[in-house]
Protein backbone atom coordinates (compact mmCIF):
# COMPACT_ATOMS: atom_id res chain seq x y z
CA MET A 1 0.00 0.00 0.00
CA VAL A 2 2.81 2.40 0.92
CA LEU A 3 4.71 1.52 -2.24
CA LYS A 4 1.60 2.06 -4.37
CA ALA A 5 0.99 5.48 -2.79
CA LEU A 6 4.63 6.43 -3.32
CA VAL A 7 4.58 5.39 -6.98
CA THR A 8 1.30 7.24 -7.55
CA ALA A 9 2.75 10.39 -5.97
CA LEU A 10 5.90 10.17 -8.10
CA VAL A 11 3.89 9.66 -11.29
CA ALA A 12 1.63 12.62 -10.46
CA LEU A 13 4.66 14.79 -9.67
CA ALA A 14 6.37 13.77 -12.91
CA ALA A 15 3.21 14.46 -14.92
CA TYR A 16 2.76 17.89 -13.33
CA SER A 17 6.44 18.69 -13.82
CA GLY A 18 6.05 17.82 -17.50
CA PHE A 19 3.00 20.07 -17.72
CA ILE A 20 4.97 22.94 -16.16
CA TYR A 21 7.90 22.33 -18.49
CA LEU A 22 5.66 22.47 -21.57
CA PHE A 23 3.53 25.46 -20.58
CA GLN A 24 5.72 27.54 -18.25
CA ASP A 25 5.96 30.34 -20.81
CA ASP A 26 2.16 30.70 -20.68
CA ILE A 27 1.93 30.73 -16.89
CA SER A 28 2.07 34.12 -15.18
CA ARG A 29 0.60 36.08 -12.25
CA THR A 30 -0.12 33.00 -10.14
CA GLY A 31 0.24 34.61 -6.70
CA GLN A 32 -3.04 34.52 -4.77
CA THR A 33 -2.14 36.95 -1.98
CA ALA A 34 0.10 40.01 -1.78
CA ALA A 35 2.69 38.05 0.22
CA GLN A 36 2.69 35.19 -2.28
CA ARG A 37 2.95 37.61 -5.20
CA ASN A 38 6.08 39.00 -3.57
CA VAL A 39 7.61 35.54 -3.29
CA VAL A 40 6.68 34.68 -6.87
CA LYS A 41 8.19 37.93 -8.10
CA ALA A 42 11.42 37.32 -6.20
CA GLU A 43 11.67 33.73 -7.45
CA GLU A 44 10.98 34.76 -11.03
CA TYR A 45 13.78 37.28 -10.87
CA GLN A 46 16.23 34.89 -9.21
CA TYR A 47 15.54 31.82 -11.32
CA GLU A 48 14.10 33.02 -14.62
CA PHE A 49 14.54 36.66 -15.52
CA ALA A 50 17.75 37.96 -13.94
CA ASP A 51 19.67 37.57 -17.20
CA GLN A 52 16.81 38.78 -19.41
CA TYR A 53 16.18 42.24 -17.94
CA ASP A 54 18.77 44.98 -17.73
CA THR A 55 16.35 47.49 -16.18
CA LEU A 56 14.53 47.01 -12.86
CA VAL A 57 11.97 48.89 -10.78
CA VAL A 58 12.15 48.58 -7.00
CA GLY A 59 9.62 49.99 -4.57
CA SER A 60 6.40 49.29 -2.68
CA SER A 61 2.81 48.52 -3.66
CA MET A 62 2.63 52.07 -4.99
CA SER A 63 5.07 51.43 -7.84
CA GLU A 64 3.97 47.80 -8.16
CA ARG A 65 1.02 49.26 -10.06
CA LEU A 66 3.09 50.93 -12.77
CA VAL A 67 2.06 49.79 -16.27
CA MET A 68 5.20 47.98 -17.28
CA ASP A 69 4.35 47.65 -20.98
CA SER A 70 4.81 51.42 -21.22
CA LEU A 71 8.26 51.34 -19.62
CA GLY A 72 9.65 48.99 -22.24
CA ALA A 73 10.14 45.29 -22.82
CA GLY A 74 13.48 45.21 -21.02
CA CYS A 75 12.11 46.45 -17.69
CA TYR A 76 11.10 44.13 -14.82
CA ASN A 77 9.00 45.35 -11.87
CA LEU A 78 10.49 44.11 -8.61
CA ALA A 79 8.37 46.43 -6.43
CA MET A 80 6.66 44.54 -3.60
CA ALA A 81 3.45 45.17 -1.69
CA GLY A 82 4.00 45.88 2.00
CA LEU A 83 7.75 46.28 1.54
CA SER A 84 9.97 49.03 0.13
CA ALA A 85 12.67 49.67 -2.44
CA GLN A 86 15.23 48.52 0.11
CA LYS A 87 14.01 44.91 -0.14
CA GLY A 88 14.25 44.97 -3.94
CA LEU A 89 17.75 46.44 -3.84
CA GLN A 90 18.84 43.75 -1.39
CA LEU A 91 17.44 40.98 -3.59
CA ILE A 92 19.28 42.31 -6.63
CA ARG A 93 22.49 42.70 -4.64
CA GLU A 94 22.27 39.17 -3.27
CA SER A 95 21.79 37.78 -6.78
CA ASN A 96 25.28 39.10 -7.55
CA ARG A 97 24.04 40.63 -10.79
CA TRP A 98 24.53 44.23 -11.80
CA PRO A 99 21.77 45.53 -14.09
CA ARG A 100 22.28 48.48 -16.40
CA LEU A 101 19.62 50.64 -14.71
CA ILE A 102 17.49 50.58 -11.55
CA TYR A 103 14.51 52.87 -10.94
CA VAL A 104 14.15 53.42 -7.18
CA GLU A 105 10.86 54.58 -5.65
CA THR A 106 11.59 57.14 -2.93
CA ASN A 107 8.19 57.35 -1.16
CA THR A 108 8.92 54.45 1.17
CA LEU A 109 12.69 54.21 0.70
CA LEU A 110 13.54 55.45 4.20
CA ILE A 111 10.44 54.29 6.08
CA PRO A 112 11.08 51.80 8.93
CA THR A 113 9.20 48.63 8.02
CA GLN A 114 8.65 45.22 9.50
CA PRO A 115 11.31 42.71 8.43
CA GLY A 116 8.89 41.36 5.81
CA ARG A 117 10.96 38.27 5.13
CA LEU A 118 10.29 36.34 1.97
CA LEU A 119 10.61 32.58 1.70
CA THR A 120 13.66 33.24 -0.44
CA ASP A 121 15.34 35.00 2.49
CA THR A 122 15.53 31.80 4.55
CA SER A 123 16.30 29.38 1.72
CA THR A 124 19.33 27.15 2.10
CA PRO A 125 21.77 26.64 -0.79
CA VAL A 126 20.27 23.18 -1.36
CA GLU A 127 16.73 24.61 -1.56
CA ARG A 128 17.85 27.29 -4.01
CA PHE A 129 19.59 24.65 -6.15
CA LEU A 130 16.45 22.48 -6.21
CA ARG A 131 14.19 25.42 -7.13
CA GLN A 132 16.59 26.44 -9.86
CA HIS A 133 16.45 23.04 -11.54
CA LEU A 134 12.99 21.84 -10.46
CA PRO A 135 10.54 24.69 -11.18
CA VAL A 136 7.65 22.67 -9.75
CA LEU A 137 9.03 23.43 -6.26
CA ARG A 138 8.60 27.18 -6.66
CA GLN A 139 5.67 29.14 -5.24
CA LYS A 140 4.81 30.27 -8.76
CA TYR A 141 3.83 26.76 -9.78
CA GLN A 142 1.56 25.76 -6.93
CA PRO A 143 -1.30 23.90 -8.70
CA VAL A 144 -4.20 26.02 -7.43
CA GLY A 145 -2.51 29.27 -8.43
CA VAL A 146 -1.48 27.90 -11.83
CA PHE A 147 -4.92 26.68 -12.82
CA LYS A 148 -6.64 29.83 -11.55
CA ALA A 149 -4.19 31.92 -13.60
CA LEU A 150 -4.75 29.84 -16.73
CA LEU A 151 -8.53 30.10 -16.37
CA ARG A 152 -8.24 33.87 -15.82
CA ASP A 153 -6.05 34.35 -18.88
CA TRP A 154 -8.38 32.15 -20.96
CA LYS A 155 -11.36 34.30 -19.93
CA TYR A 156 -9.82 37.79 -19.94
CA GLY A 157 -6.64 37.49 -21.96
CA LYS A 158 -3.08 37.82 -20.69
CA SER A 159 -2.99 41.56 -21.24
CA GLN A 160 -6.10 42.24 -19.17
CA PHE A 161 -5.34 44.16 -15.97
CA VAL A 162 -7.02 42.13 -13.24
CA LEU A 163 -5.50 43.27 -9.92
CA LEU A 164 -8.71 44.53 -8.40
CA GLU A 165 -6.97 46.15 -5.44
CA SER A 166 -5.30 48.58 -7.82
CA GLY A 167 -8.70 50.21 -8.26
CA TRP A 168 -10.74 51.17 -11.26
CA HIS A 169 -13.08 53.56 -9.46
CA VAL A 170 -12.86 55.93 -6.50
CA ASP A 171 -15.17 55.48 -3.51
CA SER A 172 -15.25 59.05 -2.18
CA ALA A 173 -16.40 58.10 1.32
CA PHE A 174 -13.70 55.47 1.70
CA LEU A 175 -11.06 57.83 0.26
CA GLU A 176 -11.87 60.55 2.80
CA LYS A 177 -11.73 58.10 5.71
CA ALA A 178 -8.40 56.69 4.51
CA VAL A 179 -6.88 60.14 4.04
CA ALA A 180 -8.10 61.30 7.46
CA SER A 181 -6.53 58.24 9.09
CA ASN A 182 -3.21 58.83 7.32
CA LEU A 183 -3.25 62.51 8.27
CA ARG A 184 -3.58 61.55 11.93
CA ASN A 185 -0.69 59.10 11.63
CA GLN A 186 1.59 61.51 9.79
CA GLN A 187 1.43 64.56 12.06
CA ASN A 188 5.00 64.13 13.30
CA PRO A 189 8.24 63.88 11.30
CA LEU A 190 10.41 60.81 11.49
CA PRO A 191 13.21 61.21 14.08
CA ASP A 192 16.59 62.12 12.61
CA SER A 193 18.18 59.06 14.23
CA VAL A 194 15.80 56.74 12.40
CA LEU A 195 16.30 58.53 9.10
CA GLN A 196 20.08 58.44 9.44
CA GLN A 197 20.06 54.70 10.08
CA HIS A 198 18.12 54.02 6.90
CA VAL A 199 20.10 56.59 4.90
CA GLN A 200 23.31 54.72 5.71
CA THR A 201 21.86 51.36 4.65
CA ILE A 202 20.50 52.69 1.36
CA ASP A 203 23.66 54.67 0.66
CA GLN A 204 25.78 51.52 0.95
CA LEU A 205 23.50 49.63 -1.42
CA LEU A 206 23.41 52.38 -4.03
CA ARG A 207 27.17 52.91 -3.88
CA ALA A 208 27.73 49.20 -4.54
CA PHE A 209 25.57 49.35 -7.66
CA ARG A 210 27.24 52.53 -8.88
CA GLN A 211 30.68 50.99 -8.44
CA HIS A 212 29.63 48.20 -10.82
CA GLY A 213 28.35 50.59 -13.46
CA THR A 214 24.64 50.45 -12.63
CA GLN A 215 22.78 53.71 -13.18
CA ILE A 216 20.36 54.69 -10.40
CA VAL A 217 17.33 56.89 -11.10
CA LEU A 218 15.12 57.96 -8.19
CA PHE A 219 11.42 58.61 -8.74
CA GLU A 220 8.51 59.65 -6.56
CA MET A 221 5.01 58.22 -6.87
CA PRO A 222 2.11 60.73 -6.60
CA VAL A 223 -0.10 60.65 -3.51
CA ASP A 224 -3.06 62.70 -2.34
CA PRO A 225 -1.86 66.35 -2.09
CA ARG A 226 -3.03 66.51 1.53
CA LEU A 227 -0.65 63.70 2.49
CA GLN A 228 2.14 65.35 0.52
CA ARG A 229 2.12 68.26 2.97
CA THR A 230 2.34 66.33 6.27
CA ALA A 231 5.35 66.68 8.55
CA TYR A 232 6.03 62.96 8.15
CA THR A 233 6.17 63.09 4.36
CA ARG A 234 8.19 66.29 4.33
CA SER A 235 10.83 64.77 6.61
CA LEU A 236 11.21 61.80 4.27
CA SER A 237 11.38 64.00 1.18
CA ALA A 238 13.95 66.31 2.75
CA ALA A 239 16.17 63.37 3.70
CA VAL A 240 16.01 61.92 0.18
CA TYR A 241 16.88 65.26 -1.36
CA GLN A 242 19.69 66.07 1.07
CA HIS A 243 21.40 62.67 1.05
CA PHE A 244 20.81 61.38 -2.46
CA VAL A 245 19.68 64.03 -4.93
CA ARG A 246 22.50 66.33 -3.81
CA GLN A 247 24.93 63.46 -4.43
CA GLY A 248 23.96 63.52 -8.08
CA TYR A 249 21.31 60.82 -8.29
CA PRO A 250 18.77 61.77 -10.99
CA PHE A 251 15.39 62.41 -9.36
CA ILE A 252 12.00 62.43 -11.08
CA LYS A 253 9.31 64.18 -9.09
CA PRO A 254 5.66 64.23 -10.26
CA THR A 255 4.14 67.58 -11.10
CA ALA A 256 0.56 68.60 -10.33
CA THR A 257 -0.13 65.66 -8.02
CA ASP A 258 -3.78 66.74 -7.73
CA THR A 259 -4.32 65.48 -11.29
CA TYR A 260 -3.76 61.88 -10.17
CA LEU A 261 -6.63 60.05 -8.48
CA THR A 262 -6.07 57.62 -5.62
CA THR A 263 -8.35 55.06 -4.05
CA ASP A 264 -7.04 55.55 -0.51
CA GLY A 265 -4.79 58.62 -0.66
CA ILE A 266 -1.74 56.49 -1.45
CA HIS A 267 -2.50 54.00 -4.23
CA MET A 268 -3.49 55.44 -7.60
CA THR A 269 -6.34 54.19 -9.75
CA HIS A 270 -5.35 52.20 -12.82
CA GLN A 271 -6.00 55.12 -15.16
CA SER A 272 -3.85 57.43 -13.04
CA CYS A 273 -1.12 54.79 -12.90
CA LEU A 274 -1.20 54.66 -16.68
CA ALA A 275 -0.99 58.46 -16.94
CA TYR A 276 1.88 58.62 -14.46
CA THR A 277 3.77 55.84 -16.23
CA HIS A 278 3.62 57.86 -19.43
CA TYR A 279 4.84 60.92 -17.55
CA LEU A 280 7.66 58.85 -16.05
CA CYS A 281 8.70 57.61 -19.49
CA ASP A 282 8.79 61.16 -20.85
CA ALA A 283 10.84 62.37 -17.88
CA LEU A 284 13.27 59.48 -18.34
CA ARG A 285 13.77 60.38 -21.98
CA VAL A 286 14.56 63.96 -20.97
CA GLN A 287 16.95 62.72 -18.30
CA ARG A 288 18.79 60.48 -20.79
CA HIS A 289 19.36 63.46 -23.07
CA ASP A 290 20.47 65.65 -20.16
CA PRO A 291 21.85 63.49 -17.30
CA GLU A 292 22.35 66.57 -15.11
CA THR A 293 18.60 67.30 -15.11
CA THR A 294 16.55 66.67 -11.98
CA MET A 295 12.99 67.65 -11.25
CA PRO A 296 12.37 70.86 -9.27
CA ARG A 297 13.48 71.03 -5.68
CA ARG A 298 10.76 71.09 -3.04
């Protein structure tokens, strides 16, 4: 009985592995929660795409919503919900690869966050070796997520934007409550000691990339104008400008933030994300022609 169960399990695993091998190019966006999407994204970069993309985006759930098709085929979005650009920079650094260009979201760059460990953070060398050569062991290829993704793509098409939390419409009542809550939480600036600690960590990461020829471009995601004026946000912005923009890092700051709609004061609607992505692309083209250009100082 035990032998029969073992053989059945091995046959099923082999059959599923064959299915993954044949159709892995058609399988995408299989994460079922924000945390799992982060793990899938990290694994995809580590095991599949690190050598295919020379341009990366790192940031939080704010920049996770950028419309990547507009940024170009060679750009991979490593922004992660609930985390910050620091996590993305660390993942790239640990991969021992040095991309040509990294876009770094500044909104949450210096914010103290929970450790937010991914499964990939605690992987042993043996586990990483097995995931590299046996894709079926990765989070991306969990059966439920795979079949839900295939059914979704069959119904809507692979290009259909289906992340409902990104928001298609604005609920005014919810927006006002969310903004009011954030305003209460952002009345005080971050202490200088906390900012300095994170500045040092980020500075070391960015210097390492620069030393290997990677270009760093900082960008700021639009938020509700009321949140832009809080003491908390101003302290973060001032630290970014003083410690990084003044060191010569190109910085792209959105103009007329009141033209972008958010669902909760922080995360833009899909249409606003699309509009901002186009703005970002235009600003990047200007920056490439004139590397000394930065957006206006606050």
